[in-house]
Amino acid sequence: MSYMERLTGAGGPDVFFGELRQNWGWLLALGIVLIILGTIGLGMTFFLTVASMVYFGVLLLIGGSFQIFHAVKATGWKSIILSVLIGILYLLAGITIINNPVAASTLLTLVLGGALIGIGIARMVMALQLRGLKSWVWPLASAMLEILLGVMIVAKWPVSGLWVIGLFVAIELIMNGWSCIAIALTAKESEAWEGSPNKA
């Protein structure tokens, strides 16, 4: 079995990539655009944070509206009142976030910082339990990084609420962009491999 077949599975690159092998350029372009947007976002994290909060609030409004619509349409079942109540709570949360996205991001950032510290502590305990294994230091390092990040966020709160979420969104865009580029280049390589006389 060739390297490319081992990389993409027993079915070979055609099964793995499908038509992406001929259209890898579009995915490459998408990756480049995402990296550019993420890089721009790094310079305007406050606006990205506010935009993310407004977007989240709109999603809650849409979800709450559908929840209430479904509850009203499906009359006669026992949980109709609770379903309507959930929908109303969604709507109230969405309206509150849209009316004051800065306060919402500040509160959410505090929760996020606390969650990172808690997850980091749990992951550190798991790493210490795996101390006999060869690679136990990697989850330990990841745990310490999470705890450090959480402590930094909480220590800078409430100011951190103005930029943390936007920073995370920008980093996610950049990471997603690099992932798209890597997949596109692999698909391109598989296309070139298919036409190579030395593909075995």
Protein backbone atom coordinates (compact mmCIF):
# COMPACT_ATOMS: atom_id res chain seq x y z
CA MET A 1 0.00 0.00 0.00
CA SER A 2 1.35 3.44 -0.96
CA TYR A 3 1.92 6.36 1.39
CA MET A 4 -1.10 8.27 0.03
CA GLU A 5 -3.37 5.25 0.49
CA ARG A 6 -2.12 4.80 4.05
CA LEU A 7 -2.73 8.51 4.67
CA THR A 8 -6.27 8.57 3.30
CA GLY A 9 -7.43 5.06 4.17
CA ALA A 10 -7.74 1.70 2.46
CA GLY A 11 -10.10 3.08 -0.19
CA GLY A 12 -7.44 5.46 -1.46
CA PRO A 13 -7.58 9.23 -1.95
CA ASP A 14 -10.54 9.10 -4.34
CA VAL A 15 -12.84 7.71 -1.64
CA PHE A 16 -11.50 10.11 0.99
CA PHE A 17 -11.51 13.38 -0.97
CA GLY A 18 -14.13 12.80 -3.68
CA GLU A 19 -14.59 15.87 -5.89
CA LEU A 20 -12.42 17.94 -3.55
CA ARG A 21 -9.44 16.60 -5.48
CA GLN A 22 -10.53 18.63 -8.52
CA ASN A 23 -11.84 21.61 -6.52
CA TRP A 24 -9.15 21.95 -3.86
CA GLY A 25 -8.47 25.55 -4.95
CA TRP A 26 -11.80 26.74 -3.52
CA LEU A 27 -10.99 25.25 -0.11
CA LEU A 28 -7.54 26.81 -0.27
CA ALA A 29 -9.11 30.21 -1.04
CA LEU A 30 -11.56 29.76 1.85
CA GLY A 31 -8.66 29.01 4.20
CA ILE A 32 -6.80 32.13 3.08
CA VAL A 33 -9.92 34.29 3.54
CA LEU A 34 -10.52 32.86 7.03
CA ILE A 35 -6.92 33.59 8.04
CA ILE A 36 -7.21 37.16 6.74
CA LEU A 37 -10.51 37.69 8.58
CA GLY A 38 -9.09 36.20 11.78
CA THR A 39 -5.98 38.38 11.54
CA ILE A 40 -8.15 41.47 11.07
CA GLY A 41 -10.26 40.28 14.00
CA LEU A 42 -7.17 40.21 16.24
CA GLY A 43 -6.94 43.97 15.80
CA MET A 44 -10.59 44.62 16.62
CA THR A 45 -11.46 42.12 19.34
CA PHE A 46 -13.91 44.48 21.07
CA PHE A 47 -16.09 44.83 17.97
CA LEU A 48 -15.82 41.10 17.32
CA THR A 49 -16.92 40.42 20.91
CA VAL A 50 -19.94 42.72 20.59
CA ALA A 51 -20.86 41.23 17.20
CA SER A 52 -20.60 37.70 18.62
CA MET A 53 -22.89 38.62 21.52
CA VAL A 54 -25.47 40.22 19.22
CA TYR A 55 -25.34 37.14 16.97
CA PHE A 56 -25.84 34.89 20.01
CA GLY A 57 -28.78 37.02 21.12
CA VAL A 58 -30.40 36.77 17.69
CA LEU A 59 -30.02 32.98 17.79
CA LEU A 60 -31.76 32.92 21.17
CA LEU A 61 -34.61 35.04 19.77
CA ILE A 62 -35.04 32.68 16.83
CA GLY A 63 -34.85 29.61 19.07
CA GLY A 64 -37.33 31.05 21.56
CA SER A 65 -39.79 31.99 18.81
CA PHE A 66 -39.70 28.48 17.34
CA GLN A 67 -40.05 26.97 20.83
CA ILE A 68 -43.21 28.99 21.52
CA PHE A 69 -44.59 28.35 18.03
CA HIS A 70 -44.10 24.61 18.44
CA ALA A 71 -45.72 24.62 21.90
CA VAL A 72 -48.77 26.52 20.65
CA LYS A 73 -49.16 24.31 17.55
CA ALA A 74 -48.84 21.05 19.52
CA THR A 75 -51.73 21.63 21.92
CA GLY A 76 -52.98 19.00 24.33
CA TRP A 77 -49.72 17.68 25.73
CA LYS A 78 -48.72 17.92 29.39
CA SER A 79 -45.56 20.00 29.05
CA ILE A 80 -47.01 22.83 26.96
CA ILE A 81 -46.70 25.39 29.79
CA LEU A 82 -43.06 24.47 30.47
CA SER A 83 -42.29 24.56 26.76
CA VAL A 84 -43.78 28.06 26.43
CA LEU A 85 -41.86 29.14 29.55
CA ILE A 86 -38.59 27.91 28.06
CA GLY A 87 -39.35 29.82 24.87
CA ILE A 88 -40.09 33.00 26.85
CA LEU A 89 -36.83 32.63 28.78
CA TYR A 90 -34.98 32.27 25.46
CA LEU A 91 -36.62 35.44 24.20
CA LEU A 92 -35.85 37.38 27.38
CA ALA A 93 -32.21 36.24 27.33
CA GLY A 94 -31.90 37.18 23.66
CA ILE A 95 -33.42 40.63 24.19
CA THR A 96 -31.19 41.25 27.23
CA ILE A 97 -28.03 40.27 25.34
CA ILE A 98 -28.91 42.39 22.29
CA ASN A 99 -29.78 45.41 24.47
CA ASN A 100 -26.49 45.21 26.39
CA PRO A 101 -23.94 42.99 24.61
CA VAL A 102 -21.03 44.43 26.62
CA ALA A 103 -22.54 43.38 29.97
CA ALA A 104 -23.42 39.97 28.49
CA SER A 105 -19.86 39.43 27.24
CA THR A 106 -18.45 40.51 30.61
CA LEU A 107 -20.59 37.96 32.47
CA LEU A 108 -19.90 35.23 29.91
CA THR A 109 -16.15 35.92 30.11
CA LEU A 110 -16.19 35.43 33.89
CA VAL A 111 -18.01 32.11 33.45
CA LEU A 112 -15.52 31.13 30.73
CA GLY A 113 -12.53 31.96 32.93
CA GLY A 114 -13.94 29.91 35.81
CA ALA A 115 -14.72 27.03 33.47
CA LEU A 116 -11.16 27.02 32.10
CA ILE A 117 -9.74 26.87 35.61
CA GLY A 118 -12.11 24.03 36.58
CA ILE A 119 -11.41 22.05 33.39
CA GLY A 120 -7.68 22.61 33.82
CA ILE A 121 -7.74 21.29 37.39
CA ALA A 122 -9.73 18.22 36.32
CA ARG A 123 -7.33 17.59 33.43
CA MET A 124 -4.35 17.98 35.75
CA VAL A 125 -5.76 15.32 38.09
CA MET A 126 -6.27 13.03 35.08
CA ALA A 127 -2.69 13.65 33.96
CA LEU A 128 -1.32 12.83 37.41
CA GLN A 129 -3.34 9.60 37.41
CA LEU A 130 -1.62 8.68 34.13
CA ARG A 131 1.82 9.46 35.51
CA GLY A 132 3.20 6.02 34.67
CA LEU A 133 2.50 6.44 30.96
CA LYS A 134 5.12 7.77 28.55
CA SER A 135 3.23 10.87 27.36
CA TRP A 136 1.51 11.93 30.59
CA VAL A 137 3.33 15.29 30.56
CA TRP A 138 1.34 16.50 27.51
CA PRO A 139 -2.08 16.49 29.22
CA LEU A 140 -0.36 17.99 32.28
CA ALA A 141 1.08 20.82 30.17
CA SER A 142 -2.33 21.36 28.54
CA ALA A 143 -3.97 21.50 31.97
CA MET A 144 -1.46 24.03 33.29
CA LEU A 145 -1.96 26.18 30.19
CA GLU A 146 -5.75 26.11 30.66
CA ILE A 147 -5.46 27.04 34.33
CA LEU A 148 -3.05 29.88 33.48
CA LEU A 149 -5.39 31.18 30.78
CA GLY A 150 -8.39 30.99 33.13
CA VAL A 151 -6.51 32.81 35.91
CA MET A 152 -5.40 35.53 33.47
CA ILE A 153 -8.99 36.03 32.27
CA VAL A 154 -10.40 36.20 35.83
CA ALA A 155 -7.55 38.43 37.05
CA LYS A 156 -8.20 40.97 34.27
CA TRP A 157 -11.99 40.83 34.72
CA PRO A 158 -14.17 42.82 34.00
CA VAL A 159 -11.86 44.46 31.41
CA SER A 160 -11.18 41.03 29.88
CA GLY A 161 -14.89 40.81 29.06
CA LEU A 162 -14.37 43.44 26.38
CA TRP A 163 -11.91 41.41 24.28
CA VAL A 164 -11.63 37.73 25.32
CA ILE A 165 -14.57 36.38 23.30
CA GLY A 166 -13.52 38.36 20.23
CA LEU A 167 -9.97 37.04 20.63
CA PHE A 168 -11.24 33.45 20.80
CA VAL A 169 -13.37 33.98 17.68
CA ALA A 170 -10.40 35.48 15.80
CA ILE A 171 -8.13 32.59 16.82
CA GLU A 172 -10.81 30.07 15.79
CA LEU A 173 -11.04 31.72 12.35
CA ILE A 174 -7.26 31.53 11.92
CA MET A 175 -7.04 27.90 13.08
CA ASN A 176 -9.95 26.90 10.84
CA GLY A 177 -8.27 28.70 7.94
CA TRP A 178 -5.01 26.78 8.41
CA SER A 179 -6.99 23.51 8.64
CA CYS A 180 -8.72 24.27 5.33
CA ILE A 181 -5.38 25.08 3.69
CA ALA A 182 -3.82 21.85 4.98
CA ILE A 183 -6.73 19.73 3.68
CA ALA A 184 -6.71 21.55 0.33
CA LEU A 185 -2.98 20.99 -0.15
CA THR A 186 -3.34 17.32 0.78
CA ALA A 187 -6.16 16.97 -1.75
CA LYS A 188 -3.94 18.65 -4.37
CA GLU A 189 -1.10 16.27 -3.50
CA SER A 190 -3.43 13.28 -3.89
CA GLU A 191 -4.46 14.53 -7.34
CA ALA A 192 -0.83 14.87 -8.37
CA TRP A 193 -0.09 11.44 -6.88
CA GLU A 194 -2.88 9.86 -8.94
CA GLY A 195 -1.24 10.98 -12.15
CA SER A 196 2.27 10.00 -11.06
CA PRO A 197 3.84 6.87 -12.60
CA ASN A 198 5.53 6.14 -9.23
CA LYS A 199 2.35 6.05 -7.10
CA ALA A 200 2.79 2.46 -5.93
